[in-house]
Amino acid sequence: MPVFLTLGGVGFVLLIVSLVFDHHHDFDHGDLSIGDHGDHDGGGGPRLLSLKVVAAFLAAFGFAGAIARYQGLDMMSSSLVAAASGFFLGAVAYKLLGLVYRQQASSHIT
């Protein structure tokens, strides 16, 4: 259970730090990010492996795994519950970030 709690805590802290200090650059200024939409001005949409999505996955994975272990499940079952929860919350975070990115306006005239 300490491993799950540590992963959940690290994910939660990363999520809070990225939400407070990383307004829209998402710490990925390189060309190797997965989910790149080809728009490099910061308005194209969220990246699949952005810090916010990965942090949401880690937080959900850790805390769901800890809860599953606390409920008496074995390590394999707890890990499966944790992985399912992590992928679910990561997907929700990705979709919510996509919604926020689509609401942004641009001053470019085409």
PDB file of N, CA and C in Angstrom:
ATOM      1  N   MET A   1       0.808  -1.199   0.000  1.00  0.00           N
ATOM      2  CA  MET A   1       0.000   0.000   0.000  1.00  0.00           C
ATOM      3  C   MET A   1       0.853   1.266   0.000  1.00  0.00           C
ATOM      4  N   PRO A   2       2.039   1.288   0.598  1.00  0.00           N
ATOM      5  CA  PRO A   2       2.845   2.519   0.557  1.00  0.00           C
ATOM      6  C   PRO A   2       3.240   2.932  -0.860  1.00  0.00           C
ATOM      7  N   VAL A   3       3.430   1.953  -1.747  1.00  0.00           N
ATOM      8  CA  VAL A   3       3.781   2.288  -3.126  1.00  0.00           C
ATOM      9  C   VAL A   3       2.624   3.009  -3.800  1.00  0.00           C
ATOM     10  N   PHE A   4       1.420   2.503  -3.612  1.00  0.00           N
ATOM     11  CA  PHE A   4       0.248   3.148  -4.196  1.00  0.00           C
ATOM     12  C   PHE A   4       0.055   4.555  -3.640  1.00  0.00           C
ATOM     13  N   LEU A   5       0.197   4.702  -2.328  1.00  0.00           N
ATOM     14  CA  LEU A   5       0.035   6.032  -1.729  1.00  0.00           C
ATOM     15  C   LEU A   5       1.099   7.009  -2.204  1.00  0.00           C
ATOM     16  N   THR A   6       2.333   6.525  -2.375  1.00  0.00           N
ATOM     17  CA  THR A   6       3.399   7.392  -2.874  1.00  0.00           C
ATOM     18  C   THR A   6       3.111   7.836  -4.299  1.00  0.00           C
ATOM     19  N   LEU A   7       2.699   6.903  -5.164  1.00  0.00           N
ATOM     20  CA  LEU A   7       2.368   7.266  -6.542  1.00  0.00           C
ATOM     21  C   LEU A   7       1.185   8.230  -6.594  1.00  0.00           C
ATOM     22  N   GLY A   8       0.184   7.984  -5.778  1.00  0.00           N
ATOM     23  CA  GLY A   8      -0.962   8.888  -5.735  1.00  0.00           C
ATOM     24  C   GLY A   8      -0.580  10.271  -5.253  1.00  0.00           C
ATOM     25  N   GLY A   9       0.263  10.339  -4.225  1.00  0.00           N
ATOM     26  CA  GLY A   9       0.706  11.637  -3.715  1.00  0.00           C
ATOM     27  C   GLY A   9       1.545  12.395  -4.720  1.00  0.00           C
ATOM     28  N   VAL A  10       2.461  11.699  -5.388  1.00  0.00           N
ATOM     29  CA  VAL A  10       3.293  12.352  -6.408  1.00  0.00           C
ATOM     30  C   VAL A  10       2.423  12.852  -7.556  1.00  0.00           C
ATOM     31  N   GLY A  11       1.481  12.029  -8.007  1.00  0.00           N
ATOM     32  CA  GLY A  11       0.577  12.450  -9.074  1.00  0.00           C
ATOM     33  C   GLY A  11      -0.266  13.643  -8.674  1.00  0.00           C
ATOM     34  N   PHE A  12      -0.763  13.635  -7.442  1.00  0.00           N
ATOM     35  CA  PHE A  12      -1.588  14.750  -6.974  1.00  0.00           C
ATOM     36  C   PHE A  12      -0.780  16.040  -6.885  1.00  0.00           C
ATOM     37  N   VAL A  13       0.433  15.961  -6.339  1.00  0.00           N
ATOM     38  CA  VAL A  13       1.279  17.156  -6.236  1.00  0.00           C
ATOM     39  C   VAL A  13       1.637  17.678  -7.628  1.00  0.00           C
ATOM     40  N   LEU A  14       1.992  16.781  -8.553  1.00  0.00           N
ATOM     41  CA  LEU A  14       2.291  17.205  -9.923  1.00  0.00           C
ATOM     42  C   LEU A  14       1.084  17.861 -10.585  1.00  0.00           C
ATOM     43  N   LEU A  15      -0.083  17.315 -10.346  1.00  0.00           N
ATOM     44  CA  LEU A  15      -1.296  17.883 -10.925  1.00  0.00           C
ATOM     45  C   LEU A  15      -1.559  19.283 -10.388  1.00  0.00           C
ATOM     46  N   ILE A  16      -1.433  19.456  -9.099  1.00  0.00           N
ATOM     47  CA  ILE A  16      -1.644  20.778  -8.511  1.00  0.00           C
ATOM     48  C   ILE A  16      -0.598  21.772  -9.009  1.00  0.00           C
ATOM     49  N   VAL A  17       0.670  21.357  -9.039  1.00  0.00           N
ATOM     50  CA  VAL A  17       1.736  22.248  -9.511  1.00  0.00           C
ATOM     51  C   VAL A  17       1.510  22.623 -10.970  1.00  0.00           C
ATOM     52  N   SER A  18       1.143  21.658 -11.806  1.00  0.00           N
ATOM     53  CA  SER A  18       0.939  21.968 -13.220  1.00  0.00           C
ATOM     54  C   SER A  18      -0.294  22.839 -13.436  1.00  0.00           C
ATOM     55  N   LEU A  19      -1.313  22.678 -12.617  1.00  0.00           N
ATOM     56  CA  LEU A  19      -2.501  23.520 -12.763  1.00  0.00           C
ATOM     57  C   LEU A  19      -2.264  24.944 -12.280  1.00  0.00           C
ATOM     58  N   VAL A  20      -1.420  25.113 -11.260  1.00  0.00           N
ATOM     59  CA  VAL A  20      -1.174  26.443 -10.708  1.00  0.00           C
ATOM     60  C   VAL A  20      -0.128  27.206 -11.508  1.00  0.00           C
ATOM     61  N   PHE A  21       0.991  26.556 -11.825  1.00  0.00           N
ATOM     62  CA  PHE A  21       2.116  27.275 -12.408  1.00  0.00           C
ATOM     63  C   PHE A  21       2.250  27.127 -13.914  1.00  0.00           C
ATOM     64  N   ASP A  22       1.600  26.177 -14.521  1.00  0.00           N
ATOM     65  CA  ASP A  22       1.784  25.906 -15.941  1.00  0.00           C
ATOM     66  C   ASP A  22       0.501  26.233 -16.675  1.00  0.00           C
ATOM     67  N   HIS A  23       0.311  27.515 -17.023  1.00  0.00           N
ATOM     68  CA  HIS A  23      -0.964  27.955 -17.560  1.00  0.00           C
ATOM     69  C   HIS A  23      -1.338  27.289 -18.875  1.00  0.00           C
ATOM     70  N   HIS A  24      -0.499  27.274 -19.899  1.00  0.00           N
ATOM     71  CA  HIS A  24      -0.867  26.543 -21.098  1.00  0.00           C
ATOM     72  C   HIS A  24       0.322  25.972 -21.862  1.00  0.00           C
ATOM     73  N   HIS A  25       1.524  26.127 -21.384  1.00  0.00           N
ATOM     74  CA  HIS A  25       2.672  25.598 -22.117  1.00  0.00           C
ATOM     75  C   HIS A  25       2.897  24.123 -21.850  1.00  0.00           C
ATOM     76  N   ASP A  26       2.501  23.614 -20.716  1.00  0.00           N
ATOM     77  CA  ASP A  26       2.523  22.205 -20.351  1.00  0.00           C
ATOM     78  C   ASP A  26       3.911  21.589 -20.363  1.00  0.00           C
ATOM     79  N   PHE A  27       4.933  22.368 -20.151  1.00  0.00           N
ATOM     80  CA  PHE A  27       6.302  21.887 -19.982  1.00  0.00           C
ATOM     81  C   PHE A  27       6.839  21.075 -21.153  1.00  0.00           C
ATOM     82  N   ASP A  28       6.141  21.012 -22.274  1.00  0.00           N
ATOM     83  CA  ASP A  28       6.644  20.211 -23.391  1.00  0.00           C
ATOM     84  C   ASP A  28       6.936  21.124 -24.575  1.00  0.00           C
ATOM     85  N   HIS A  29       8.147  21.597 -24.646  1.00  0.00           N
ATOM     86  CA  HIS A  29       8.532  22.506 -25.718  1.00  0.00           C
ATOM     87  C   HIS A  29       9.289  21.786 -26.816  1.00  0.00           C
ATOM     88  N   GLY A  30       9.381  20.471 -26.750  1.00  0.00           N
ATOM     89  CA  GLY A  30      10.114  19.704 -27.750  1.00  0.00           C
ATOM     90  C   GLY A  30       9.217  19.274 -28.888  1.00  0.00           C
ATOM     91  N   ASP A  31       9.805  18.587 -29.855  1.00  0.00           N
ATOM     92  CA  ASP A  31       9.058  18.129 -31.014  1.00  0.00           C
ATOM     93  C   ASP A  31       8.656  16.666 -30.904  1.00  0.00           C
ATOM     94  N   LEU A  32       8.916  16.010 -29.783  1.00  0.00           N
ATOM     95  CA  LEU A  32       8.682  14.581 -29.665  1.00  0.00           C
ATOM     96  C   LEU A  32       7.466  14.234 -28.823  1.00  0.00           C
ATOM     97  N   SER A  33       6.551  15.161 -28.649  1.00  0.00           N
ATOM     98  CA  SER A  33       5.393  14.865 -27.818  1.00  0.00           C
ATOM     99  C   SER A  33       4.362  14.071 -28.620  1.00  0.00           C
ATOM    100  N   ILE A  34       3.776  13.077 -27.976  1.00  0.00           N
ATOM    101  CA  ILE A  34       2.772  12.236 -28.622  1.00  0.00           C
ATOM    102  C   ILE A  34       1.447  12.968 -28.593  1.00  0.00           C
ATOM    103  N   GLY A  35       0.706  12.867 -29.653  1.00  0.00           N
ATOM    104  CA  GLY A  35      -0.573  13.552 -29.722  1.00  0.00           C
ATOM    105  C   GLY A  35      -0.437  14.955 -30.261  1.00  0.00           C
ATOM    106  N   ASP A  36       0.669  15.243 -30.902  1.00  0.00           N
ATOM    107  CA  ASP A  36       0.909  16.567 -31.445  1.00  0.00           C
ATOM    108  C   ASP A  36      -0.056  16.808 -32.597  1.00  0.00           C
ATOM    109  N   HIS A  37      -0.751  17.919 -32.541  1.00  0.00           N
ATOM    110  CA  HIS A  37      -1.740  18.232 -33.557  1.00  0.00           C
ATOM    111  C   HIS A  37      -1.172  19.090 -34.673  1.00  0.00           C
ATOM    112  N   GLY A  38       0.131  19.272 -34.692  1.00  0.00           N
ATOM    113  CA  GLY A  38       0.747  20.033 -35.751  1.00  0.00           C
ATOM    114  C   GLY A  38       0.679  21.530 -35.565  1.00  0.00           C
ATOM    115  N   ASP A  39       0.075  21.990 -34.530  1.00  0.00           N
ATOM    116  CA  ASP A  39      -0.084  23.423 -34.279  1.00  0.00           C
ATOM    117  C   ASP A  39       0.844  23.789 -33.136  1.00  0.00           C
ATOM    118  N   HIS A  40       1.935  24.468 -33.434  1.00  0.00           N
ATOM    119  CA  HIS A  40       2.968  24.718 -32.435  1.00  0.00           C
ATOM    120  C   HIS A  40       2.843  26.073 -31.756  1.00  0.00           C
ATOM    121  N   ASP A  41       1.710  26.735 -31.885  1.00  0.00           N
ATOM    122  CA  ASP A  41       1.555  28.013 -31.195  1.00  0.00           C
ATOM    123  C   ASP A  41       0.896  27.874 -29.847  1.00  0.00           C
ATOM    124  N   GLY A  42       0.686  26.649 -29.388  1.00  0.00           N
ATOM    125  CA  GLY A  42       0.123  26.408 -28.065  1.00  0.00           C
ATOM    126  C   GLY A  42      -1.383  26.309 -28.052  1.00  0.00           C
ATOM    127  N   GLY A  43      -2.059  26.467 -29.192  1.00  0.00           N
ATOM    128  CA  GLY A  43      -3.504  26.453 -29.198  1.00  0.00           C
ATOM    129  C   GLY A  43      -4.109  25.253 -29.879  1.00  0.00           C
ATOM    130  N   GLY A  44      -3.326  24.254 -30.230  1.00  0.00           N
ATOM    131  CA  GLY A  44      -3.825  23.126 -30.992  1.00  0.00           C
ATOM    132  C   GLY A  44      -4.616  22.133 -30.189  1.00  0.00           C
ATOM    133  N   GLY A  45      -4.371  22.023 -28.919  1.00  0.00           N
ATOM    134  CA  GLY A  45      -5.066  21.059 -28.092  1.00  0.00           C
ATOM    135  C   GLY A  45      -4.112  20.376 -27.152  1.00  0.00           C
ATOM    136  N   PRO A  46      -4.653  19.574 -26.264  1.00  0.00           N
ATOM    137  CA  PRO A  46      -3.789  18.899 -25.287  1.00  0.00           C
ATOM    138  C   PRO A  46      -2.986  17.778 -25.938  1.00  0.00           C
ATOM    139  N   ARG A  47      -1.892  17.453 -25.345  1.00  0.00           N
ATOM    140  CA  ARG A  47      -1.062  16.343 -25.793  1.00  0.00           C
ATOM    141  C   ARG A  47      -1.459  15.107 -24.995  1.00  0.00           C
ATOM    142  N   LEU A  48      -1.349  13.948 -25.605  1.00  0.00           N
ATOM    143  CA  LEU A  48      -1.740  12.704 -24.944  1.00  0.00           C
ATOM    144  C   LEU A  48      -0.884  12.434 -23.713  1.00  0.00           C
ATOM    145  N   LEU A  49       0.401  12.741 -23.787  1.00  0.00           N
ATOM    146  CA  LEU A  49       1.292  12.538 -22.649  1.00  0.00           C
ATOM    147  C   LEU A  49       1.677  13.869 -22.012  1.00  0.00           C
ATOM    148  N   SER A  50       0.731  14.768 -21.892  1.00  0.00           N
ATOM    149  CA  SER A  50       1.014  16.030 -21.223  1.00  0.00           C
ATOM    150  C   SER A  50       1.138  15.800 -19.722  1.00  0.00           C
ATOM    151  N   LEU A  51       1.761  16.728 -19.044  1.00  0.00           N
ATOM    152  CA  LEU A  51       1.986  16.589 -17.618  1.00  0.00           C
ATOM    153  C   LEU A  51       0.675  16.468 -16.848  1.00  0.00           C
ATOM    154  N   LYS A  52      -0.330  17.202 -17.240  1.00  0.00           N
ATOM    155  CA  LYS A  52      -1.617  17.156 -16.536  1.00  0.00           C
ATOM    156  C   LYS A  52      -2.288  15.786 -16.687  1.00  0.00           C
ATOM    157  N   VAL A  53      -2.233  15.211 -17.867  1.00  0.00           N
ATOM    158  CA  VAL A  53      -2.862  13.909 -18.101  1.00  0.00           C
ATOM    159  C   VAL A  53      -2.102  12.811 -17.356  1.00  0.00           C
ATOM    160  N   VAL A  54      -0.780  12.847 -17.422  1.00  0.00           N
ATOM    161  CA  VAL A  54       0.026  11.843 -16.726  1.00  0.00           C
ATOM    162  C   VAL A  54      -0.141  11.970 -15.212  1.00  0.00           C
ATOM    163  N   ALA A  55      -0.201  13.199 -14.711  1.00  0.00           N
ATOM    164  CA  ALA A  55      -0.389  13.404 -13.274  1.00  0.00           C
ATOM    165  C   ALA A  55      -1.760  12.907 -12.824  1.00  0.00           C
ATOM    166  N   ALA A  56      -2.787  13.129 -13.631  1.00  0.00           N
ATOM    167  CA  ALA A  56      -4.124  12.620 -13.295  1.00  0.00           C
ATOM    168  C   ALA A  56      -4.121  11.095 -13.278  1.00  0.00           C
ATOM    169  N   PHE A  57      -3.433  10.480 -14.253  1.00  0.00           N
ATOM    170  CA  PHE A  57      -3.312   9.022 -14.272  1.00  0.00           C
ATOM    171  C   PHE A  57      -2.620   8.526 -13.013  1.00  0.00           C
ATOM    172  N   LEU A  58      -1.483   9.149 -12.657  1.00  0.00           N
ATOM    173  CA  LEU A  58      -0.739   8.708 -11.476  1.00  0.00           C
ATOM    174  C   LEU A  58      -1.560   8.851 -10.197  1.00  0.00           C
ATOM    175  N   ALA A  59      -2.242   9.970 -10.052  1.00  0.00           N
ATOM    176  CA  ALA A  59      -3.051  10.194  -8.850  1.00  0.00           C
ATOM    177  C   ALA A  59      -4.154   9.139  -8.737  1.00  0.00           C
ATOM    178  N   ALA A  60      -4.870   8.915  -9.838  1.00  0.00           N
ATOM    179  CA  ALA A  60      -5.949   7.927  -9.807  1.00  0.00           C
ATOM    180  C   ALA A  60      -5.401   6.518  -9.593  1.00  0.00           C
ATOM    181  N   PHE A  61      -4.298   6.184 -10.266  1.00  0.00           N
ATOM    182  CA  PHE A  61      -3.684   4.871 -10.111  1.00  0.00           C
ATOM    183  C   PHE A  61      -3.289   4.627  -8.655  1.00  0.00           C
ATOM    184  N   GLY A  62      -2.603   5.591  -8.069  1.00  0.00           N
ATOM    185  CA  GLY A  62      -2.119   5.423  -6.711  1.00  0.00           C
ATOM    186  C   GLY A  62      -3.225   5.338  -5.679  1.00  0.00           C
ATOM    187  N   PHE A  63      -4.147   6.268  -5.731  1.00  0.00           N
ATOM    188  CA  PHE A  63      -5.193   6.293  -4.705  1.00  0.00           C
ATOM    189  C   PHE A  63      -6.198   5.152  -4.880  1.00  0.00           C
ATOM    190  N   ALA A  64      -6.537   4.797  -6.125  1.00  0.00           N
ATOM    191  CA  ALA A  64      -7.447   3.666  -6.338  1.00  0.00           C
ATOM    192  C   ALA A  64      -6.778   2.353  -5.915  1.00  0.00           C
ATOM    193  N   GLY A  65      -5.487   2.218  -6.183  1.00  0.00           N
ATOM    194  CA  GLY A  65      -4.769   1.020  -5.748  1.00  0.00           C
ATOM    195  C   GLY A  65      -4.698   0.913  -4.236  1.00  0.00           C
ATOM    196  N   ALA A  66      -4.483   2.042  -3.579  1.00  0.00           N
ATOM    197  CA  ALA A  66      -4.436   2.040  -2.113  1.00  0.00           C
ATOM    198  C   ALA A  66      -5.802   1.686  -1.523  1.00  0.00           C
ATOM    199  N   ILE A  67      -6.855   2.218  -2.106  1.00  0.00           N
ATOM    200  CA  ILE A  67      -8.205   1.906  -1.619  1.00  0.00           C
ATOM    201  C   ILE A  67      -8.515   0.425  -1.841  1.00  0.00           C
ATOM    202  N   ALA A  68      -8.124  -0.096  -3.009  1.00  0.00           N
ATOM    203  CA  ALA A  68      -8.367  -1.515  -3.297  1.00  0.00           C
ATOM    204  C   ALA A  68      -7.588  -2.411  -2.333  1.00  0.00           C
ATOM    205  N   ARG A  69      -6.347  -2.042  -2.027  1.00  0.00           N
ATOM    206  CA  ARG A  69      -5.560  -2.821  -1.053  1.00  0.00           C
ATOM    207  C   ARG A  69      -6.187  -2.732   0.336  1.00  0.00           C
ATOM    208  N   TYR A  70      -6.671  -1.561   0.688  1.00  0.00           N
ATOM    209  CA  TYR A  70      -7.304  -1.376   1.991  1.00  0.00           C
ATOM    210  C   TYR A  70      -8.578  -2.223   2.108  1.00  0.00           C
ATOM    211  N   GLN A  71      -9.263  -2.411   0.993  1.00  0.00           N
ATOM    212  CA  GLN A  71     -10.483  -3.216   0.988  1.00  0.00           C
ATOM    213  C   GLN A  71     -10.192  -4.710   1.026  1.00  0.00           C
ATOM    214  N   GLY A  72      -8.905  -5.100   0.947  1.00  0.00           N
ATOM    215  CA  GLY A  72      -8.548  -6.499   1.096  1.00  0.00           C
ATOM    216  C   GLY A  72      -8.218  -7.230  -0.193  1.00  0.00           C
ATOM    217  N   LEU A  73      -8.176  -6.548  -1.315  1.00  0.00           N
ATOM    218  CA  LEU A  73      -7.822  -7.212  -2.563  1.00  0.00           C
ATOM    219  C   LEU A  73      -6.328  -7.541  -2.577  1.00  0.00           C
ATOM    220  N   ASP A  74      -5.974  -8.578  -3.313  1.00  0.00           N
ATOM    221  CA  ASP A  74      -4.555  -8.916  -3.437  1.00  0.00           C
ATOM    222  C   ASP A  74      -3.865  -7.893  -4.356  1.00  0.00           C
ATOM    223  N   MET A  75      -2.544  -8.002  -4.459  1.00  0.00           N
ATOM    224  CA  MET A  75      -1.772  -6.995  -5.187  1.00  0.00           C
ATOM    225  C   MET A  75      -2.120  -6.965  -6.675  1.00  0.00           C
ATOM    226  N   MET A  76      -2.330  -8.113  -7.293  1.00  0.00           N
ATOM    227  CA  MET A  76      -2.659  -8.159  -8.717  1.00  0.00           C
ATOM    228  C   MET A  76      -4.016  -7.516  -8.983  1.00  0.00           C
ATOM    229  N   SER A  77      -5.004  -7.856  -8.194  1.00  0.00           N
ATOM    230  CA  SER A  77      -6.335  -7.268  -8.369  1.00  0.00           C
ATOM    231  C   SER A  77      -6.305  -5.768  -8.095  1.00  0.00           C
ATOM    232  N   SER A  78      -5.570  -5.369  -7.073  1.00  0.00           N
ATOM    233  CA  SER A  78      -5.447  -3.945  -6.766  1.00  0.00           C
ATOM    234  C   SER A  78      -4.780  -3.194  -7.911  1.00  0.00           C
ATOM    235  N   SER A  79      -3.777  -3.823  -8.512  1.00  0.00           N
ATOM    236  CA  SER A  79      -3.087  -3.188  -9.638  1.00  0.00           C
ATOM    237  C   SER A  79      -4.001  -3.052 -10.851  1.00  0.00           C
ATOM    238  N   LEU A  80      -4.843  -4.041 -11.084  1.00  0.00           N
ATOM    239  CA  LEU A  80      -5.790  -3.954 -12.201  1.00  0.00           C
ATOM    240  C   LEU A  80      -6.830  -2.866 -11.958  1.00  0.00           C
ATOM    241  N   VAL A  81      -7.342  -2.783 -10.734  1.00  0.00           N
ATOM    242  CA  VAL A  81      -8.279  -1.716 -10.391  1.00  0.00           C
ATOM    243  C   VAL A  81      -7.605  -0.363 -10.533  1.00  0.00           C
ATOM    244  N   ALA A  82      -6.354  -0.264 -10.079  1.00  0.00           N
ATOM    245  CA  ALA A  82      -5.606   0.980 -10.168  1.00  0.00           C
ATOM    246  C   ALA A  82      -5.366   1.388 -11.620  1.00  0.00           C
ATOM    247  N   ALA A  83      -4.997   0.428 -12.464  1.00  0.00           N
ATOM    248  CA  ALA A  83      -4.747   0.734 -13.871  1.00  0.00           C
ATOM    249  C   ALA A  83      -6.027   1.185 -14.572  1.00  0.00           C
ATOM    250  N   ALA A  84      -7.129   0.496 -14.307  1.00  0.00           N
ATOM    251  CA  ALA A  84      -8.400   0.884 -14.921  1.00  0.00           C
ATOM    252  C   ALA A  84      -8.803   2.288 -14.475  1.00  0.00           C
ATOM    253  N   SER A  85      -8.649   2.572 -13.186  1.00  0.00           N
ATOM    254  CA  SER A  85      -8.983   3.905 -12.675  1.00  0.00           C
ATOM    255  C   SER A  85      -8.063   4.966 -13.255  1.00  0.00           C
ATOM    256  N   GLY A  86      -6.783   4.642 -13.372  1.00  0.00           N
ATOM    257  CA  GLY A  86      -5.825   5.590 -13.928  1.00  0.00           C
ATOM    258  C   GLY A  86      -6.125   5.923 -15.375  1.00  0.00           C
ATOM    259  N   PHE A  87      -6.396   4.899 -16.184  1.00  0.00           N
ATOM    260  CA  PHE A  87      -6.715   5.155 -17.586  1.00  0.00           C
ATOM    261  C   PHE A  87      -8.024   5.928 -17.723  1.00  0.00           C
ATOM    262  N   PHE A  88      -9.002   5.617 -16.875  1.00  0.00           N
ATOM    263  CA  PHE A  88     -10.273   6.331 -16.933  1.00  0.00           C
ATOM    264  C   PHE A  88     -10.086   7.805 -16.595  1.00  0.00           C
ATOM    265  N   LEU A  89      -9.421   8.111 -15.480  1.00  0.00           N
ATOM    266  CA  LEU A  89      -9.252   9.511 -15.098  1.00  0.00           C
ATOM    267  C   LEU A  89      -8.303  10.239 -16.048  1.00  0.00           C
ATOM    268  N   GLY A  90      -7.313   9.533 -16.604  1.00  0.00           N
ATOM    269  CA  GLY A  90      -6.452  10.147 -17.611  1.00  0.00           C
ATOM    270  C   GLY A  90      -7.243  10.533 -18.852  1.00  0.00           C
ATOM    271  N   ALA A  91      -8.153   9.656 -19.277  1.00  0.00           N
ATOM    272  CA  ALA A  91      -8.995   9.958 -20.436  1.00  0.00           C
ATOM    273  C   ALA A  91      -9.937  11.121 -20.145  1.00  0.00           C
ATOM    274  N   VAL A  92     -10.488  11.159 -18.936  1.00  0.00           N
ATOM    275  CA  VAL A  92     -11.365  12.275 -18.554  1.00  0.00           C
ATOM    276  C   VAL A  92     -10.580  13.583 -18.544  1.00  0.00           C
ATOM    277  N   ALA A  93      -9.373  13.557 -18.002  1.00  0.00           N
ATOM    278  CA  ALA A  93      -8.543  14.764 -17.976  1.00  0.00           C
ATOM    279  C   ALA A  93      -8.207  15.220 -19.392  1.00  0.00           C
ATOM    280  N   TYR A  94      -7.898  14.267 -20.280  1.00  0.00           N
ATOM    281  CA  TYR A  94      -7.580  14.604 -21.670  1.00  0.00           C
ATOM    282  C   TYR A  94      -8.780  15.247 -22.360  1.00  0.00           C
ATOM    283  N   LYS A  95      -9.962  14.685 -22.152  1.00  0.00           N
ATOM    284  CA  LYS A  95     -11.172  15.244 -22.765  1.00  0.00           C
ATOM    285  C   LYS A  95     -11.494  16.628 -22.191  1.00  0.00           C
ATOM    286  N   LEU A  96     -11.348  16.799 -20.880  1.00  0.00           N
ATOM    287  CA  LEU A  96     -11.610  18.112 -20.283  1.00  0.00           C
ATOM    288  C   LEU A  96     -10.607  19.158 -20.767  1.00  0.00           C
ATOM    289  N   LEU A  97      -9.345  18.772 -20.889  1.00  0.00           N
ATOM    290  CA  LEU A  97      -8.349  19.704 -21.418  1.00  0.00           C
ATOM    291  C   LEU A  97      -8.657  20.057 -22.868  1.00  0.00           C
ATOM    292  N   GLY A  98      -9.127  19.082 -23.650  1.00  0.00           N
ATOM    293  CA  GLY A  98      -9.530  19.357 -25.027  1.00  0.00           C
ATOM    294  C   GLY A  98     -10.675  20.350 -25.085  1.00  0.00           C
ATOM    295  N   LEU A  99     -11.632  20.212 -24.166  1.00  0.00           N
ATOM    296  CA  LEU A  99     -12.742  21.160 -24.104  1.00  0.00           C
ATOM    297  C   LEU A  99     -12.249  22.570 -23.787  1.00  0.00           C
ATOM    298  N   VAL A 100     -11.318  22.675 -22.861  1.00  0.00           N
ATOM    299  CA  VAL A 100     -10.773  23.986 -22.497  1.00  0.00           C
ATOM    300  C   VAL A 100      -9.994  24.584 -23.662  1.00  0.00           C
ATOM    301  N   TYR A 101      -9.185  23.771 -24.340  1.00  0.00           N
ATOM    302  CA  TYR A 101      -8.406  24.267 -25.478  1.00  0.00           C
ATOM    303  C   TYR A 101      -9.313  24.745 -26.605  1.00  0.00           C
ATOM    304  N   ARG A 102     -10.437  24.060 -26.838  1.00  0.00           N
ATOM    305  CA  ARG A 102     -11.341  24.471 -27.912  1.00  0.00           C
ATOM    306  C   ARG A 102     -12.049  25.784 -27.602  1.00  0.00           C
ATOM    307  N   GLN A 103     -12.122  26.163 -26.334  1.00  0.00           N
ATOM    308  CA  GLN A 103     -12.783  27.411 -25.959  1.00  0.00           C
ATOM    309  C   GLN A 103     -11.890  28.634 -26.138  1.00  0.00           C
ATOM    310  N   GLN A 104     -10.612  28.413 -26.397  1.00  0.00           N
ATOM    311  CA  GLN A 104      -9.689  29.533 -26.549  1.00  0.00           C
ATOM    312  C   GLN A 104      -9.924  30.217 -27.884  1.00  0.00           C
ATOM    313  N   ALA A 105      -9.787  31.503 -27.887  1.00  0.00           N
ATOM    314  CA  ALA A 105      -9.930  32.287 -29.113  1.00  0.00           C
ATOM    315  C   ALA A 105      -8.554  32.632 -29.659  1.00  0.00           C
ATOM    316  N   SER A 106      -8.509  32.988 -30.913  1.00  0.00           N
ATOM    317  CA  SER A 106      -7.265  33.358 -31.574  1.00  0.00           C
ATOM    318  C   SER A 106      -7.426  34.725 -32.204  1.00  0.00           C
ATOM    319  N   SER A 107      -6.333  35.440 -32.312  1.00  0.00           N
ATOM    320  CA  SER A 107      -6.380  36.754 -32.948  1.00  0.00           C
ATOM    321  C   SER A 107      -5.856  36.704 -34.379  1.00  0.00           C
ATOM    322  N   HIS A 108      -5.611  35.494 -34.880  1.00  0.00           N
ATOM    323  CA  HIS A 108      -5.132  35.348 -36.257  1.00  0.00           C
ATOM    324  C   HIS A 108      -6.251  35.546 -37.249  1.00  0.00           C
ATOM    325  N   ILE A 109      -5.959  36.269 -38.310  1.00  0.00           N
ATOM    326  CA  ILE A 109      -6.933  36.478 -39.367  1.00  0.00           C
ATOM    327  C   ILE A 109      -6.560  35.585 -40.525  1.00  0.00           C
ATOM    328  N   THR A 110      -7.511  34.765 -40.948  1.00  0.00           N
ATOM    329  CA  THR A 110      -7.233  33.863 -42.075  1.00  0.00           C
ATOM    330  C   THR A 110      -8.003  34.277 -43.305  1.00  0.00           C
TER     331      THR A 110
END
